[in-house]
Structure formats: structure tokens, C-alpha cells
């Protein structure tokens, strides 16, 4: 008998992410019975489905109840399951803040505008949440180095870590620019992390960088198997 739930879990473990419009991904997001069974089976092995209404992809992460066993299982608390060094995680947090936070604000604003425009239509259908690449900022690598290079290990380390994050699917590097990859919006729990960044020490660095740098344009490989998880508490330590 074909087991759609097992197939979806296997695909997510091997491919690490799936687009929301994938047939099985849509079933997980829209079919309550299927989602309950999926959540139950993932919980049994210490995992959870990582998705967000504004994210274009879904993935897997270590469940919160399993975090201590996974991340605190050695002599010291580890920050991720990808063998990223501390400066690599710090760079990931910075990129998440520079790309995902403004993208989310644009998505919310665009959805509000669409909703207001639809109010006068008697049978207006709900507008889909904007997930197209146009709402995601693109960061120039030279700007990233100028603003954060000295805090992230210098040009060589930043370049090395950008290559690693690109291979892992968090970002896409193109001709000196850094764009959002499939996993970037899923790297951290938005509700737990956004306010920490906006209210924490990183907020000052981001504000200084925004005041110095021009507004980025709104333009716009990755393989490696296995489930990838970044510990959501890490931003408080950066």
C-alpha cells in the first residue's frame, strides 16, 4: 500500500526542502487529516515540519522538545547540525535579517494593499500571499563586506562561509550578489527570532548599515542530503 506520509518525509530528508506548490507539500499544508498524521510521525522521531505562510518552501527541523538532546548532547551546546562554525552561523543570522525581515514586511504590506483593493468587490476571492522573488532583497557582497566583514572574520572567512551557505541552500550567489535560497526563510523560527533581532544588539548594526548603504534592488546550487537545522536560540548569542 502506498504511504504518502512516508514518501513526503523521505523526500524532505533527501531533498531537504520542497516548494509549497509540490503536490505532497500542498497536501501537508491543506489536508488536516494528512497533516495530523505527518506531525504525529515526525514527532515520534524528534522532528517537526518547518513552514511559514509567507515562505515559498517547506522543510524539516529538530522539534523543540528534542533540542536539548540534540544540541546539548555533548560537552558544550552546539548551534547547528551542519557543522557551521560560529562565524558561519553569525553570517547566516545577518543574511536572514537583511533579506527575510524586509521581505516579510513587503509581503505584509502588499497583502494589505491587495485586501484593501478587494473590499469593494462583492465576490472578491482571497488574494494569495505574495511569495515571488521580487519582494526579496538582493545584497551586494561588497556591501556585506563593508558593513559586517570586520565582525564576521574578514573577507576570506566571509567568502568561504558564503560558499558554504550557498551549497547548503540558504542563499544563491550570482555575480557578486547574494539572493535568498530555498532554506533561508526556514532557517529560524520567525516568531521567536524576528523580535530578538529587531530589539537586540544586531538591530544597531543593521540600522548603521542601512544608513550607510543604498537601498538594494528587488531583483532577484545546492545539493547535500540530510535534514538541516539551525538552533533558533543562536541569534541571542551573535
C-alpha atoms as a PDB file:
ATOM      1  CA  UNK A   1       0.000   0.000   0.000  1.00  0.00           C
ATOM      2  CA  UNK A   2       1.355   3.399  -0.970  1.00  0.00           C
ATOM      3  CA  UNK A   3       2.162   5.582   2.050  1.00  0.00           C
ATOM      4  CA  UNK A   4       2.024   9.273   1.104  1.00  0.00           C
ATOM      5  CA  UNK A   5       3.167  10.366   4.551  1.00  0.00           C
ATOM      6  CA  UNK A   6       6.296   8.198   4.483  1.00  0.00           C
ATOM      7  CA  UNK A   7       7.029   9.327   0.926  1.00  0.00           C
ATOM      8  CA  UNK A   8       6.825  13.002   1.874  1.00  0.00           C
ATOM      9  CA  UNK A   9       9.094  12.540   4.909  1.00  0.00           C
ATOM     10  CA  UNK A  10      11.617  10.610   2.822  1.00  0.00           C
ATOM     11  CA  UNK A  11      11.610  13.292   0.136  1.00  0.00           C
ATOM     12  CA  UNK A  12      12.139  16.049   2.690  1.00  0.00           C
ATOM     13  CA  UNK A  13      15.004  14.144   4.310  1.00  0.00           C
ATOM     14  CA  UNK A  14      16.722  13.524   0.984  1.00  0.00           C
ATOM     15  CA  UNK A  15      15.968  16.781  -0.838  1.00  0.00           C
ATOM     16  CA  UNK A  16      15.933  18.978   2.310  1.00  0.00           C
ATOM     17  CA  UNK A  17      13.186  21.278   1.000  1.00  0.00           C
ATOM     18  CA  UNK A  18      10.146  21.209  -1.270  1.00  0.00           C
ATOM     19  CA  UNK A  19       8.248  24.096  -2.868  1.00  0.00           C
ATOM     20  CA  UNK A  20       4.829  24.810  -1.412  1.00  0.00           C
ATOM     21  CA  UNK A  21       3.180  24.070  -4.750  1.00  0.00           C
ATOM     22  CA  UNK A  22       4.506  20.493  -4.759  1.00  0.00           C
ATOM     23  CA  UNK A  23       1.523  18.108  -4.702  1.00  0.00           C
ATOM     24  CA  UNK A  24       2.503  16.402  -1.438  1.00  0.00           C
ATOM     25  CA  UNK A  25       3.582  19.668   0.174  1.00  0.00           C
ATOM     26  CA  UNK A  26       0.191  21.206  -0.618  1.00  0.00           C
ATOM     27  CA  UNK A  27      -1.493  18.156   0.873  1.00  0.00           C
ATOM     28  CA  UNK A  28       0.510  18.594   4.083  1.00  0.00           C
ATOM     29  CA  UNK A  29      -0.485  22.259   4.273  1.00  0.00           C
ATOM     30  CA  UNK A  30      -4.158  21.938   3.305  1.00  0.00           C
ATOM     31  CA  UNK A  31      -5.316  18.465   4.363  1.00  0.00           C
ATOM     32  CA  UNK A  32      -5.882  18.478   8.136  1.00  0.00           C
ATOM     33  CA  UNK A  33      -6.006  14.694   8.463  1.00  0.00           C
ATOM     34  CA  UNK A  34      -2.815  14.207   6.469  1.00  0.00           C
ATOM     35  CA  UNK A  35      -1.065  16.950   8.460  1.00  0.00           C
ATOM     36  CA  UNK A  36      -2.046  15.386  11.770  1.00  0.00           C
ATOM     37  CA  UNK A  37      -0.601  12.033  10.687  1.00  0.00           C
ATOM     38  CA  UNK A  38       2.537  13.742   9.362  1.00  0.00           C
ATOM     39  CA  UNK A  39       3.052  15.661  12.594  1.00  0.00           C
ATOM     40  CA  UNK A  40       2.490  12.517  14.670  1.00  0.00           C
ATOM     41  CA  UNK A  41       5.083  10.519  12.776  1.00  0.00           C
ATOM     42  CA  UNK A  42       7.628  13.305  12.742  1.00  0.00           C
ATOM     43  CA  UNK A  43       7.150  13.875  16.478  1.00  0.00           C
ATOM     44  CA  UNK A  44       7.877  10.196  17.097  1.00  0.00           C
ATOM     45  CA  UNK A  45      11.419  10.696  15.770  1.00  0.00           C
ATOM     46  CA  UNK A  46      12.041  14.162  17.229  1.00  0.00           C
ATOM     47  CA  UNK A  47      11.357  16.215  14.102  1.00  0.00           C
ATOM     48  CA  UNK A  48       8.782  18.756  13.003  1.00  0.00           C
ATOM     49  CA  UNK A  49       7.628  20.262   9.727  1.00  0.00           C
ATOM     50  CA  UNK A  50       9.127  23.734   9.266  1.00  0.00           C
ATOM     51  CA  UNK A  51       6.853  26.002   7.230  1.00  0.00           C
ATOM     52  CA  UNK A  52       5.552  29.540   7.321  1.00  0.00           C
ATOM     53  CA  UNK A  53       2.594  31.016   5.414  1.00  0.00           C
ATOM     54  CA  UNK A  54       4.913  33.564   3.783  1.00  0.00           C
ATOM     55  CA  UNK A  55       7.697  31.087   2.917  1.00  0.00           C
ATOM     56  CA  UNK A  56       7.876  29.547  -0.559  1.00  0.00           C
ATOM     57  CA  UNK A  57       9.292  26.215   0.673  1.00  0.00           C
ATOM     58  CA  UNK A  58       8.815  23.682   3.452  1.00  0.00           C
ATOM     59  CA  UNK A  59      11.443  21.630   5.268  1.00  0.00           C
ATOM     60  CA  UNK A  60      12.212  19.661   8.420  1.00  0.00           C
ATOM     61  CA  UNK A  61      13.755  20.754  11.701  1.00  0.00           C
ATOM     62  CA  UNK A  62      14.566  19.293  15.097  1.00  0.00           C
ATOM     63  CA  UNK A  63      11.465  19.544  17.294  1.00  0.00           C
ATOM     64  CA  UNK A  64      11.692  21.893  20.265  1.00  0.00           C
ATOM     65  CA  UNK A  65      11.259  19.054  22.748  1.00  0.00           C
ATOM     66  CA  UNK A  66      14.304  17.344  21.208  1.00  0.00           C
ATOM     67  CA  UNK A  67      16.571  20.399  21.099  1.00  0.00           C
ATOM     68  CA  UNK A  68      18.327  19.732  24.373  1.00  0.00           C
ATOM     69  CA  UNK A  69      19.058  16.107  23.488  1.00  0.00           C
ATOM     70  CA  UNK A  70      20.405  17.082  20.052  1.00  0.00           C
ATOM     71  CA  UNK A  71      22.137  20.383  20.672  1.00  0.00           C
ATOM     72  CA  UNK A  72      23.162  19.786  24.270  1.00  0.00           C
ATOM     73  CA  UNK A  73      24.242  16.179  23.843  1.00  0.00           C
ATOM     74  CA  UNK A  74      27.991  16.869  24.019  1.00  0.00           C
ATOM     75  CA  UNK A  75      30.227  18.739  26.446  1.00  0.00           C
ATOM     76  CA  UNK A  76      29.145  22.090  25.014  1.00  0.00           C
ATOM     77  CA  UNK A  77      25.905  23.337  23.477  1.00  0.00           C
ATOM     78  CA  UNK A  78      26.135  23.221  19.672  1.00  0.00           C
ATOM     79  CA  UNK A  79      24.353  25.780  17.496  1.00  0.00           C
ATOM     80  CA  UNK A  80      23.507  23.729  14.415  1.00  0.00           C
ATOM     81  CA  UNK A  81      23.574  20.298  12.791  1.00  0.00           C
ATOM     82  CA  UNK A  82      25.506  21.444   9.720  1.00  0.00           C
ATOM     83  CA  UNK A  83      28.984  21.803  11.246  1.00  0.00           C
ATOM     84  CA  UNK A  84      28.869  25.551  10.613  1.00  0.00           C
ATOM     85  CA  UNK A  85      31.439  27.495  12.602  1.00  0.00           C
ATOM     86  CA  UNK A  86      30.321  30.340  14.819  1.00  0.00           C
ATOM     87  CA  UNK A  87      31.135  32.973  12.199  1.00  0.00           C
ATOM     88  CA  UNK A  88      29.151  30.976   9.625  1.00  0.00           C
ATOM     89  CA  UNK A  89      26.081  30.965  11.861  1.00  0.00           C
ATOM     90  CA  UNK A  90      26.591  34.679  12.555  1.00  0.00           C
ATOM     91  CA  UNK A  91      26.694  35.385   8.809  1.00  0.00           C
ATOM     92  CA  UNK A  92      23.532  33.341   8.334  1.00  0.00           C
ATOM     93  CA  UNK A  93      21.757  35.385  11.016  1.00  0.00           C
ATOM     94  CA  UNK A  94      22.872  38.638   9.375  1.00  0.00           C
ATOM     95  CA  UNK A  95      21.687  37.493   5.940  1.00  0.00           C
ATOM     96  CA  UNK A  96      18.376  36.320   7.407  1.00  0.00           C
ATOM     97  CA  UNK A  97      17.914  39.741   8.981  1.00  0.00           C
ATOM     98  CA  UNK A  98      18.920  41.618   5.819  1.00  0.00           C
ATOM     99  CA  UNK A  99      16.777  39.566   3.442  1.00  0.00           C
ATOM    100  CA  UNK A 100      13.908  37.847   5.262  1.00  0.00           C
ATOM    101  CA  UNK A 101      12.879  40.649   7.626  1.00  0.00           C
ATOM    102  CA  UNK A 102      12.406  43.315   4.911  1.00  0.00           C
ATOM    103  CA  UNK A 103      10.883  40.705   2.592  1.00  0.00           C
ATOM    104  CA  UNK A 104       8.301  39.814   5.237  1.00  0.00           C
ATOM    105  CA  UNK A 105       7.412  43.481   5.709  1.00  0.00           C
ATOM    106  CA  UNK A 106       6.903  43.892   1.959  1.00  0.00           C
ATOM    107  CA  UNK A 107       4.745  40.762   1.850  1.00  0.00           C
ATOM    108  CA  UNK A 108       2.561  42.014   4.681  1.00  0.00           C
ATOM    109  CA  UNK A 109       2.231  45.463   3.122  1.00  0.00           C
ATOM    110  CA  UNK A 110       1.419  44.073  -0.318  1.00  0.00           C
ATOM    111  CA  UNK A 111      -1.166  41.725   1.110  1.00  0.00           C
ATOM    112  CA  UNK A 112      -2.772  44.629   2.993  1.00  0.00           C
ATOM    113  CA  UNK A 113      -2.933  46.685  -0.208  1.00  0.00           C
ATOM    114  CA  UNK A 114      -4.485  43.773  -2.105  1.00  0.00           C
ATOM    115  CA  UNK A 115      -7.032  43.226   0.665  1.00  0.00           C
ATOM    116  CA  UNK A 116      -7.996  46.912   0.654  1.00  0.00           C
ATOM    117  CA  UNK A 117      -8.376  46.880  -3.127  1.00  0.00           C
ATOM    118  CA  UNK A 118     -10.648  43.829  -2.902  1.00  0.00           C
ATOM    119  CA  UNK A 119     -13.024  45.269  -0.306  1.00  0.00           C
ATOM    120  CA  UNK A 120     -15.221  46.878  -2.923  1.00  0.00           C
ATOM    121  CA  UNK A 121     -15.678  43.645  -4.850  1.00  0.00           C
ATOM    122  CA  UNK A 122     -18.761  41.757  -3.712  1.00  0.00           C
ATOM    123  CA  UNK A 123     -17.374  38.318  -4.560  1.00  0.00           C
ATOM    124  CA  UNK A 124     -13.669  39.049  -4.283  1.00  0.00           C
ATOM    125  CA  UNK A 125     -11.582  35.966  -3.651  1.00  0.00           C
ATOM    126  CA  UNK A 126      -8.816  35.947  -1.059  1.00  0.00           C
ATOM    127  CA  UNK A 127      -5.586  37.133  -2.612  1.00  0.00           C
ATOM    128  CA  UNK A 128      -2.663  34.688  -2.374  1.00  0.00           C
ATOM    129  CA  UNK A 129       0.237  35.667  -0.146  1.00  0.00           C
ATOM    130  CA  UNK A 130       2.980  37.220  -2.328  1.00  0.00           C
ATOM    131  CA  UNK A 131       5.948  34.849  -2.475  1.00  0.00           C
ATOM    132  CA  UNK A 132       7.513  35.909  -5.769  1.00  0.00           C
ATOM    133  CA  UNK A 133      11.273  36.692  -5.766  1.00  0.00           C
ATOM    134  CA  UNK A 134      10.599  40.381  -6.458  1.00  0.00           C
ATOM    135  CA  UNK A 135       9.772  41.002  -2.792  1.00  0.00           C
ATOM    136  CA  UNK A 136      13.084  39.523  -1.610  1.00  0.00           C
ATOM    137  CA  UNK A 137      16.035  41.949  -1.378  1.00  0.00           C
ATOM    138  CA  UNK A 138      19.331  41.154  -3.069  1.00  0.00           C
ATOM    139  CA  UNK A 139      22.515  42.058  -1.150  1.00  0.00           C
ATOM    140  CA  UNK A 140      25.764  43.035  -2.881  1.00  0.00           C
ATOM    141  CA  UNK A 141      28.690  41.052  -1.445  1.00  0.00           C
ATOM    142  CA  UNK A 142      30.889  44.170  -1.386  1.00  0.00           C
ATOM    143  CA  UNK A 143      28.241  45.951   0.702  1.00  0.00           C
ATOM    144  CA  UNK A 144      28.015  42.989   3.058  1.00  0.00           C
ATOM    145  CA  UNK A 145      31.796  43.018   3.491  1.00  0.00           C
ATOM    146  CA  UNK A 146      31.921  46.762   4.050  1.00  0.00           C
ATOM    147  CA  UNK A 147      29.217  46.675   6.705  1.00  0.00           C
ATOM    148  CA  UNK A 148      29.934  43.405   8.508  1.00  0.00           C
ATOM    149  CA  UNK A 149      33.241  41.987   7.255  1.00  0.00           C
ATOM    150  CA  UNK A 150      35.279  43.020  10.286  1.00  0.00           C
ATOM    151  CA  UNK A 151      32.727  41.413  12.615  1.00  0.00           C
ATOM    152  CA  UNK A 152      32.418  38.195  10.608  1.00  0.00           C
ATOM    153  CA  UNK A 153      36.073  37.197  10.258  1.00  0.00           C
ATOM    154  CA  UNK A 154      37.188  39.306   7.300  1.00  0.00           C
ATOM    155  CA  UNK A 155      36.968  38.902   3.535  1.00  0.00           C
ATOM    156  CA  UNK A 156      38.384  35.372   3.349  1.00  0.00           C
ATOM    157  CA  UNK A 157      36.120  33.925   6.023  1.00  0.00           C
ATOM    158  CA  UNK A 158      33.042  35.722   4.694  1.00  0.00           C
ATOM    159  CA  UNK A 159      33.762  34.412   1.191  1.00  0.00           C
ATOM    160  CA  UNK A 160      34.272  30.874   2.495  1.00  0.00           C
ATOM    161  CA  UNK A 161      31.071  30.978   4.555  1.00  0.00           C
ATOM    162  CA  UNK A 162      29.061  32.443   1.681  1.00  0.00           C
ATOM    163  CA  UNK A 163      30.157  29.474  -0.419  1.00  0.00           C
ATOM    164  CA  UNK A 164      29.092  27.066   2.322  1.00  0.00           C
ATOM    165  CA  UNK A 165      25.692  28.721   2.787  1.00  0.00           C
ATOM    166  CA  UNK A 166      25.209  28.649  -0.975  1.00  0.00           C
ATOM    167  CA  UNK A 167      25.918  24.898  -1.125  1.00  0.00           C
ATOM    168  CA  UNK A 168      23.541  24.256   1.756  1.00  0.00           C
ATOM    169  CA  UNK A 169      20.689  26.081   0.011  1.00  0.00           C
ATOM    170  CA  UNK A 170      20.363  29.074   2.337  1.00  0.00           C
ATOM    171  CA  UNK A 171      21.468  31.603  -0.280  1.00  0.00           C
ATOM    172  CA  UNK A 172      22.138  31.901  -4.003  1.00  0.00           C
ATOM    173  CA  UNK A 173      25.285  33.719  -5.165  1.00  0.00           C
ATOM    174  CA  UNK A 174      25.169  35.414  -8.549  1.00  0.00           C
ATOM    175  CA  UNK A 175      27.836  37.729  -9.966  1.00  0.00           C
ATOM    176  CA  UNK A 176      28.742  39.355  -6.663  1.00  0.00           C
ATOM    177  CA  UNK A 177      25.191  39.411  -5.267  1.00  0.00           C
ATOM    178  CA  UNK A 178      23.549  37.330  -2.552  1.00  0.00           C
ATOM    179  CA  UNK A 179      19.909  36.343  -3.012  1.00  0.00           C
ATOM    180  CA  UNK A 180      17.535  34.241  -0.938  1.00  0.00           C
ATOM    181  CA  UNK A 181      17.874  30.477  -1.232  1.00  0.00           C
ATOM    182  CA  UNK A 182      15.138  27.884  -0.548  1.00  0.00           C
ATOM    183  CA  UNK A 183      16.069  27.364   3.115  1.00  0.00           C
ATOM    184  CA  UNK A 184      16.777  30.926   4.242  1.00  0.00           C
ATOM    185  CA  UNK A 185      13.198  31.725   5.247  1.00  0.00           C
ATOM    186  CA  UNK A 186      13.082  28.448   7.192  1.00  0.00           C
ATOM    187  CA  UNK A 187      16.464  28.804   8.912  1.00  0.00           C
ATOM    188  CA  UNK A 188      14.986  30.368  12.039  1.00  0.00           C
ATOM    189  CA  UNK A 189      11.566  30.407  13.635  1.00  0.00           C
ATOM    190  CA  UNK A 190      10.328  33.842  12.543  1.00  0.00           C
ATOM    191  CA  UNK A 191       8.073  34.444  15.539  1.00  0.00           C
ATOM    192  CA  UNK A 192      10.849  33.547  18.011  1.00  0.00           C
ATOM    193  CA  UNK A 193      13.707  35.279  16.219  1.00  0.00           C
ATOM    194  CA  UNK A 194      12.488  38.452  14.498  1.00  0.00           C
ATOM    195  CA  UNK A 195      11.812  40.417  17.669  1.00  0.00           C
ATOM    196  CA  UNK A 196      15.141  39.362  19.208  1.00  0.00           C
ATOM    197  CA  UNK A 197      16.956  40.763  16.209  1.00  0.00           C
ATOM    198  CA  UNK A 198      14.864  43.914  15.987  1.00  0.00           C
ATOM    199  CA  UNK A 199      15.250  44.610  19.716  1.00  0.00           C
ATOM    200  CA  UNK A 200      18.757  43.197  20.207  1.00  0.00           C
ATOM    201  CA  UNK A 201      22.324  44.266  19.552  1.00  0.00           C
ATOM    202  CA  UNK A 202      22.121  43.304  15.887  1.00  0.00           C
ATOM    203  CA  UNK A 203      19.445  45.959  15.359  1.00  0.00           C
ATOM    204  CA  UNK A 204      22.038  48.717  15.872  1.00  0.00           C
ATOM    205  CA  UNK A 205      24.394  47.168  13.316  1.00  0.00           C
ATOM    206  CA  UNK A 206      21.603  46.762  10.796  1.00  0.00           C
ATOM    207  CA  UNK A 207      20.478  50.357  11.318  1.00  0.00           C
ATOM    208  CA  UNK A 208      24.009  51.672  10.833  1.00  0.00           C
ATOM    209  CA  UNK A 209      24.406  49.579   7.691  1.00  0.00           C
ATOM    210  CA  UNK A 210      21.077  50.783   6.301  1.00  0.00           C
ATOM    211  CA  UNK A 211      22.065  54.393   6.892  1.00  0.00           C
ATOM    212  CA  UNK A 212      25.344  53.924   5.007  1.00  0.00           C
ATOM    213  CA  UNK A 213      24.302  51.676   2.143  1.00  0.00           C
ATOM    214  CA  UNK A 214      21.960  52.374  -0.792  1.00  0.00           C
ATOM    215  CA  UNK A 215      18.655  50.534  -0.901  1.00  0.00           C
ATOM    216  CA  UNK A 216      19.233  47.206  -2.715  1.00  0.00           C
ATOM    217  CA  UNK A 217      17.367  46.375  -5.926  1.00  0.00           C
ATOM    218  CA  UNK A 218      14.414  43.990  -5.745  1.00  0.00           C
ATOM    219  CA  UNK A 219      15.707  41.619  -8.422  1.00  0.00           C
ATOM    220  CA  UNK A 220      16.388  38.587  -7.933  1.00  0.00           C
ATOM    221  CA  UNK A 221      23.111  25.063  -6.068  1.00  0.00           C
ATOM    222  CA  UNK A 222      22.782  23.239  -3.941  1.00  0.00           C
ATOM    223  CA  UNK A 223      22.826  19.589  -3.167  1.00  0.00           C
ATOM    224  CA  UNK A 224      23.612  17.769   0.106  1.00  0.00           C
ATOM    225  CA  UNK A 225      21.348  15.271   1.698  1.00  0.00           C
ATOM    226  CA  UNK A 226      20.095  15.045   5.244  1.00  0.00           C
ATOM    227  CA  UNK A 227      17.960  17.196   7.500  1.00  0.00           C
ATOM    228  CA  UNK A 228      19.474  20.575   8.288  1.00  0.00           C
ATOM    229  CA  UNK A 229      18.711  22.506  11.442  1.00  0.00           C
ATOM    230  CA  UNK A 230      19.879  25.789  12.885  1.00  0.00           C
ATOM    231  CA  UNK A 231      19.234  26.179  16.572  1.00  0.00           C
ATOM    232  CA  UNK A 232      16.694  29.016  16.995  1.00  0.00           C
ATOM    233  CA  UNK A 233      18.345  30.385  20.124  1.00  0.00           C
ATOM    234  CA  UNK A 234      21.578  31.236  18.296  1.00  0.00           C
ATOM    235  CA  UNK A 235      20.725  34.864  17.350  1.00  0.00           C
ATOM    236  CA  UNK A 236      20.812  35.895  21.009  1.00  0.00           C
ATOM    237  CA  UNK A 237      24.490  34.922  21.094  1.00  0.00           C
ATOM    238  CA  UNK A 238      25.579  36.746  17.944  1.00  0.00           C
END
